[in-house]
Amino acid sequence: GCMVEQLVMNGQVTPAYNLVRSLENGGFGDCVNAVVYYSLVKGYAFEKESDKVWSVYQEMRQRKMQTGLTTYNGLVGAFSECGLVDRVETLFAQMKAEGISPTVCTWSRLPQGH
């Protein structure tokens, strides 16, 4: 996880994504959790790669990653940053399904007027 985060922080999001793929394909999938995936989401959001932000989120869902309020807050922020505000509804629906309520912090991640 730390290595993925460092790659992302240094603008190397695609190599970080490839590292995650290698870990999963190499039998180390247990090391890949929602925090690791969120690092990828954050990196792609910073690069304004909205399709990749959505794709990584979908992978998280397919892999049934354990998410919590902190992860959802970050996802709401990343989606908003990439202009995917319309897809934030999907996040809120998923939060509700998991019994997680948005907080002031969650709402503050949305652009004004939404």
N, C-alpha and C. Protein backbone atom coordinates (compact mmCIF):
# COMPACT_ATOMS: atom_id res chain seq x y z
N GLY A 1 0.80 -1.19 0.00
CA GLY A 1 0.00 0.00 0.00
C GLY A 1 0.85 1.26 0.00
N CYS A 2 1.90 1.26 0.81
CA CYS A 2 2.76 2.45 0.90
C CYS A 2 3.45 2.73 -0.43
N MET A 3 3.86 1.68 -1.10
CA MET A 3 4.54 1.86 -2.38
C MET A 3 3.58 2.44 -3.42
N VAL A 4 2.34 1.96 -3.43
CA VAL A 4 1.33 2.48 -4.35
C VAL A 4 1.11 3.96 -4.06
N GLU A 5 0.94 4.30 -2.79
CA GLU A 5 0.71 5.70 -2.40
C GLU A 5 1.88 6.59 -2.82
N GLN A 6 3.11 6.12 -2.64
CA GLN A 6 4.28 6.92 -3.02
C GLN A 6 4.33 7.13 -4.53
N LEU A 7 4.03 6.10 -5.30
CA LEU A 7 3.98 6.26 -6.75
C LEU A 7 2.94 7.30 -7.14
N VAL A 8 1.75 7.20 -6.55
CA VAL A 8 0.69 8.15 -6.85
C VAL A 8 1.11 9.57 -6.48
N MET A 9 1.70 9.73 -5.30
CA MET A 9 2.12 11.06 -4.86
C MET A 9 3.19 11.66 -5.77
N ASN A 10 3.92 10.81 -6.47
CA ASN A 10 4.96 11.29 -7.39
C ASN A 10 4.48 11.33 -8.83
N GLY A 11 3.14 11.31 -9.01
CA GLY A 11 2.57 11.44 -10.34
C GLY A 11 2.69 10.21 -11.21
N GLN A 12 2.96 9.09 -10.61
CA GLN A 12 3.14 7.83 -11.35
C GLN A 12 1.93 6.92 -11.13
N VAL A 13 0.74 7.40 -11.51
CA VAL A 13 -0.50 6.68 -11.22
C VAL A 13 -0.60 5.40 -12.04
N THR A 14 -0.26 5.44 -13.31
CA THR A 14 -0.34 4.23 -14.13
C THR A 14 0.62 3.16 -13.64
N PRO A 15 1.87 3.48 -13.32
CA PRO A 15 2.73 2.44 -12.72
C PRO A 15 2.17 1.92 -11.39
N ALA A 16 1.53 2.78 -10.61
CA ALA A 16 0.91 2.34 -9.36
C ALA A 16 -0.21 1.35 -9.66
N TYR A 17 -1.03 1.67 -10.65
CA TYR A 17 -2.12 0.77 -11.06
C TYR A 17 -1.54 -0.57 -11.53
N ASN A 18 -0.48 -0.50 -12.32
CA ASN A 18 0.15 -1.74 -12.81
C ASN A 18 0.72 -2.57 -11.66
N LEU A 19 1.24 -1.91 -10.64
CA LEU A 19 1.74 -2.61 -9.46
C LEU A 19 0.60 -3.34 -8.75
N VAL A 20 -0.54 -2.67 -8.61
CA VAL A 20 -1.70 -3.32 -7.99
C VAL A 20 -2.11 -4.54 -8.79
N ARG A 21 -2.15 -4.40 -10.10
CA ARG A 21 -2.49 -5.55 -10.97
C ARG A 21 -1.50 -6.70 -10.75
N SER A 22 -0.22 -6.38 -10.68
CA SER A 22 0.81 -7.40 -10.48
C SER A 22 0.64 -8.11 -9.15
N LEU A 23 0.33 -7.34 -8.11
CA LEU A 23 0.10 -7.93 -6.79
C LEU A 23 -1.08 -8.89 -6.83
N GLU A 24 -2.16 -8.44 -7.44
CA GLU A 24 -3.36 -9.28 -7.50
C GLU A 24 -3.13 -10.53 -8.34
N ASN A 25 -2.47 -10.37 -9.45
CA ASN A 25 -2.21 -11.52 -10.34
C ASN A 25 -1.12 -12.44 -9.81
N GLY A 26 -0.28 -11.91 -8.92
CA GLY A 26 0.82 -12.70 -8.39
C GLY A 26 0.50 -13.39 -7.07
N GLY A 27 -0.77 -13.41 -6.71
CA GLY A 27 -1.15 -14.10 -5.49
C GLY A 27 -1.08 -13.26 -4.22
N PHE A 28 -0.91 -11.95 -4.38
CA PHE A 28 -0.84 -11.07 -3.22
C PHE A 28 -2.06 -10.16 -3.13
N GLY A 29 -3.18 -10.64 -3.64
CA GLY A 29 -4.41 -9.86 -3.63
C GLY A 29 -4.87 -9.48 -2.25
N ASP A 30 -4.47 -10.26 -1.23
CA ASP A 30 -4.85 -9.93 0.15
C ASP A 30 -4.25 -8.61 0.61
N CYS A 31 -3.18 -8.20 -0.05
CA CYS A 31 -2.51 -6.94 0.31
C CYS A 31 -3.21 -5.72 -0.29
N VAL A 32 -4.12 -5.97 -1.21
CA VAL A 32 -4.80 -4.88 -1.91
C VAL A 32 -6.17 -4.67 -1.27
N ASN A 33 -6.35 -3.48 -0.67
CA ASN A 33 -7.60 -3.18 0.01
C ASN A 33 -8.17 -1.85 -0.51
N ALA A 34 -9.24 -1.38 0.12
CA ALA A 34 -9.89 -0.15 -0.31
C ALA A 34 -8.96 1.05 -0.20
N VAL A 35 -8.06 1.05 0.76
CA VAL A 35 -7.12 2.17 0.91
C VAL A 35 -6.20 2.25 -0.31
N VAL A 36 -5.74 1.10 -0.77
CA VAL A 36 -4.88 1.05 -1.96
C VAL A 36 -5.65 1.55 -3.18
N TYR A 37 -6.88 1.07 -3.33
CA TYR A 37 -7.69 1.51 -4.46
C TYR A 37 -8.00 3.00 -4.37
N TYR A 38 -8.25 3.48 -3.16
CA TYR A 38 -8.53 4.90 -3.02
C TYR A 38 -7.31 5.74 -3.43
N SER A 39 -6.11 5.24 -3.17
CA SER A 39 -4.91 5.95 -3.62
C SER A 39 -4.94 6.13 -5.13
N LEU A 40 -5.34 5.07 -5.83
CA LEU A 40 -5.45 5.15 -7.29
C LEU A 40 -6.51 6.16 -7.71
N VAL A 41 -7.67 6.10 -7.06
CA VAL A 41 -8.75 7.04 -7.37
C VAL A 41 -8.27 8.47 -7.18
N LYS A 42 -7.60 8.71 -6.06
CA LYS A 42 -7.09 10.04 -5.74
C LYS A 42 -6.11 10.52 -6.82
N GLY A 43 -5.22 9.63 -7.23
CA GLY A 43 -4.23 9.99 -8.25
C GLY A 43 -4.87 10.31 -9.59
N TYR A 44 -5.81 9.47 -10.00
CA TYR A 44 -6.48 9.72 -11.28
C TYR A 44 -7.34 10.98 -11.20
N ALA A 45 -7.93 11.26 -10.04
CA ALA A 45 -8.72 12.49 -9.87
C ALA A 45 -7.81 13.71 -10.02
N PHE A 46 -6.64 13.65 -9.40
CA PHE A 46 -5.69 14.75 -9.50
C PHE A 46 -5.31 15.01 -10.95
N GLU A 47 -5.19 13.93 -11.73
CA GLU A 47 -4.84 14.05 -13.14
C GLU A 47 -6.05 14.32 -14.03
N LYS A 48 -7.23 14.45 -13.40
CA LYS A 48 -8.49 14.71 -14.12
C LYS A 48 -8.82 13.60 -15.12
N GLU A 49 -8.49 12.38 -14.76
CA GLU A 49 -8.78 11.20 -15.59
C GLU A 49 -10.10 10.60 -15.12
N SER A 50 -11.21 11.26 -15.47
CA SER A 50 -12.51 10.86 -14.93
C SER A 50 -12.89 9.44 -15.29
N ASP A 51 -12.58 8.99 -16.51
CA ASP A 51 -12.91 7.61 -16.89
C ASP A 51 -12.17 6.61 -16.01
N LYS A 52 -10.94 6.91 -15.69
CA LYS A 52 -10.15 6.00 -14.85
C LYS A 52 -10.63 6.03 -13.39
N VAL A 53 -11.04 7.21 -12.93
CA VAL A 53 -11.61 7.31 -11.57
C VAL A 53 -12.81 6.38 -11.48
N TRP A 54 -13.71 6.49 -12.45
CA TRP A 54 -14.91 5.66 -12.45
C TRP A 54 -14.55 4.18 -12.58
N SER A 55 -13.62 3.86 -13.44
CA SER A 55 -13.21 2.47 -13.67
C SER A 55 -12.63 1.84 -12.40
N VAL A 56 -11.77 2.57 -11.71
CA VAL A 56 -11.17 2.04 -10.48
C VAL A 56 -12.25 1.86 -9.41
N TYR A 57 -13.18 2.81 -9.34
CA TYR A 57 -14.29 2.66 -8.39
C TYR A 57 -15.09 1.39 -8.71
N GLN A 58 -15.35 1.15 -9.99
CA GLN A 58 -16.09 -0.06 -10.38
C GLN A 58 -15.32 -1.32 -10.00
N GLU A 59 -14.01 -1.30 -10.15
CA GLU A 59 -13.19 -2.44 -9.73
C GLU A 59 -13.32 -2.67 -8.23
N MET A 60 -13.34 -1.58 -7.46
CA MET A 60 -13.51 -1.71 -6.01
C MET A 60 -14.82 -2.43 -5.71
N ARG A 61 -15.87 -2.03 -6.41
CA ARG A 61 -17.18 -2.63 -6.19
C ARG A 61 -17.18 -4.11 -6.59
N GLN A 62 -16.58 -4.42 -7.73
CA GLN A 62 -16.53 -5.81 -8.21
C GLN A 62 -15.77 -6.70 -7.23
N ARG A 63 -14.74 -6.15 -6.63
CA ARG A 63 -13.92 -6.93 -5.69
C ARG A 63 -14.47 -6.89 -4.26
N LYS A 64 -15.64 -6.25 -4.13
CA LYS A 64 -16.33 -6.17 -2.83
C LYS A 64 -15.41 -5.64 -1.72
N MET A 65 -14.70 -4.57 -2.05
CA MET A 65 -13.80 -3.94 -1.09
C MET A 65 -14.61 -3.39 0.09
N GLN A 66 -14.07 -3.56 1.28
CA GLN A 66 -14.68 -2.98 2.47
C GLN A 66 -14.43 -1.48 2.44
N THR A 67 -15.50 -0.72 2.42
CA THR A 67 -15.37 0.73 2.41
C THR A 67 -16.06 1.29 3.64
N GLY A 68 -15.66 2.46 4.03
CA GLY A 68 -16.25 3.14 5.17
C GLY A 68 -16.47 4.59 4.83
N LEU A 69 -16.88 5.35 5.80
CA LEU A 69 -17.19 6.76 5.58
C LEU A 69 -15.99 7.53 5.03
N THR A 70 -14.80 7.27 5.55
CA THR A 70 -13.61 7.99 5.08
C THR A 70 -13.36 7.73 3.60
N THR A 71 -13.49 6.47 3.19
CA THR A 71 -13.30 6.15 1.77
C THR A 71 -14.36 6.83 0.92
N TYR A 72 -15.61 6.76 1.37
CA TYR A 72 -16.68 7.40 0.61
C TYR A 72 -16.49 8.91 0.53
N ASN A 73 -16.06 9.53 1.61
CA ASN A 73 -15.79 10.97 1.56
C ASN A 73 -14.74 11.28 0.50
N GLY A 74 -13.70 10.47 0.46
CA GLY A 74 -12.65 10.66 -0.54
C GLY A 74 -13.17 10.44 -1.95
N LEU A 75 -14.01 9.43 -2.12
CA LEU A 75 -14.58 9.15 -3.44
C LEU A 75 -15.49 10.29 -3.90
N VAL A 76 -16.31 10.82 -2.99
CA VAL A 76 -17.17 11.95 -3.34
C VAL A 76 -16.31 13.12 -3.78
N GLY A 77 -15.23 13.39 -3.06
CA GLY A 77 -14.33 14.47 -3.43
C GLY A 77 -13.67 14.23 -4.78
N ALA A 78 -13.23 13.00 -5.01
CA ALA A 78 -12.56 12.67 -6.28
C ALA A 78 -13.54 12.78 -7.45
N PHE A 79 -14.75 12.25 -7.27
CA PHE A 79 -15.75 12.33 -8.34
C PHE A 79 -16.07 13.80 -8.63
N SER A 80 -16.22 14.60 -7.59
CA SER A 80 -16.54 16.01 -7.77
C SER A 80 -15.41 16.73 -8.49
N GLU A 81 -14.18 16.42 -8.08
CA GLU A 81 -13.00 17.06 -8.68
C GLU A 81 -12.89 16.77 -10.17
N CYS A 82 -13.36 15.59 -10.58
CA CYS A 82 -13.28 15.18 -11.99
C CYS A 82 -14.54 15.53 -12.78
N GLY A 83 -15.47 16.20 -12.14
CA GLY A 83 -16.70 16.56 -12.84
C GLY A 83 -17.70 15.43 -12.94
N LEU A 84 -17.57 14.43 -12.10
CA LEU A 84 -18.49 13.29 -12.11
C LEU A 84 -19.58 13.45 -11.05
N VAL A 85 -20.03 14.68 -10.87
CA VAL A 85 -21.01 14.98 -9.83
C VAL A 85 -22.28 14.16 -10.04
N ASP A 86 -22.65 13.92 -11.29
CA ASP A 86 -23.85 13.13 -11.56
C ASP A 86 -23.72 11.71 -11.04
N ARG A 87 -22.52 11.21 -10.94
CA ARG A 87 -22.30 9.84 -10.46
C ARG A 87 -22.18 9.75 -8.94
N VAL A 88 -22.14 10.90 -8.29
CA VAL A 88 -22.08 10.90 -6.83
C VAL A 88 -23.34 10.27 -6.26
N GLU A 89 -24.46 10.39 -6.98
CA GLU A 89 -25.70 9.75 -6.54
C GLU A 89 -25.50 8.25 -6.34
N THR A 90 -24.72 7.65 -7.22
CA THR A 90 -24.40 6.22 -7.10
C THR A 90 -23.70 5.95 -5.77
N LEU A 91 -22.78 6.82 -5.41
CA LEU A 91 -22.07 6.67 -4.14
C LEU A 91 -23.02 6.79 -2.96
N PHE A 92 -23.91 7.78 -3.02
CA PHE A 92 -24.85 7.96 -1.92
C PHE A 92 -25.78 6.75 -1.79
N ALA A 93 -26.19 6.19 -2.92
CA ALA A 93 -27.03 4.99 -2.88
C ALA A 93 -26.28 3.82 -2.26
N GLN A 94 -25.01 3.68 -2.61
CA GLN A 94 -24.19 2.60 -2.06
C GLN A 94 -23.97 2.80 -0.57
N MET A 95 -23.73 4.04 -0.18
CA MET A 95 -23.56 4.34 1.25
C MET A 95 -24.82 3.94 2.02
N LYS A 96 -25.97 4.33 1.49
CA LYS A 96 -27.24 4.01 2.15
C LYS A 96 -27.41 2.50 2.27
N ALA A 97 -27.09 1.77 1.19
CA ALA A 97 -27.21 0.31 1.19
C ALA A 97 -26.32 -0.32 2.25
N GLU A 98 -25.19 0.33 2.54
CA GLU A 98 -24.25 -0.18 3.53
C GLU A 98 -24.51 0.39 4.93
N GLY A 99 -25.57 1.19 5.06
CA GLY A 99 -25.90 1.76 6.36
C GLY A 99 -24.97 2.87 6.80
N ILE A 100 -24.35 3.54 5.83
CA ILE A 100 -23.42 4.64 6.13
C ILE A 100 -24.12 5.96 5.78
N SER A 101 -24.19 6.86 6.73
CA SER A 101 -24.83 8.16 6.51
C SER A 101 -23.79 9.21 6.17
N PRO A 102 -24.10 10.05 5.16
CA PRO A 102 -23.19 11.15 4.85
C PRO A 102 -23.12 12.12 6.02
N THR A 103 -21.98 12.75 6.16
CA THR A 103 -21.77 13.74 7.22
C THR A 103 -21.54 15.11 6.58
N VAL A 104 -21.34 16.09 7.41
CA VAL A 104 -21.01 17.43 6.92
C VAL A 104 -19.76 17.37 6.04
N CYS A 105 -18.82 16.55 6.44
CA CYS A 105 -17.59 16.38 5.65
C CYS A 105 -17.91 15.84 4.26
N THR A 106 -18.82 14.90 4.18
CA THR A 106 -19.22 14.32 2.89
C THR A 106 -19.82 15.41 2.01
N TRP A 107 -20.78 16.13 2.55
CA TRP A 107 -21.47 17.16 1.77
C TRP A 107 -20.52 18.28 1.36
N SER A 108 -19.52 18.57 2.19
CA SER A 108 -18.59 19.66 1.87
C SER A 108 -17.70 19.32 0.69
N ARG A 109 -17.64 18.07 0.32
CA ARG A 109 -16.80 17.65 -0.81
C ARG A 109 -17.47 17.92 -2.15
N LEU A 110 -18.77 18.22 -2.13
CA LEU A 110 -19.50 18.53 -3.36
C LEU A 110 -19.28 19.98 -3.74
N PRO A 111 -19.28 20.26 -5.05
CA PRO A 111 -19.18 21.66 -5.47
C PRO A 111 -20.40 22.43 -4.99
N GLN A 112 -20.25 23.73 -4.78
CA GLN A 112 -21.38 24.55 -4.34
C GLN A 112 -22.50 24.48 -5.37
N GLY A 113 -23.72 24.42 -4.87
CA GLY A 113 -24.88 24.38 -5.76
C GLY A 113 -25.38 22.99 -6.05
N HIS A 114 -24.77 21.96 -5.48
CA HIS A 114 -25.22 20.58 -5.72
C HIS A 114 -25.77 19.99 -4.45
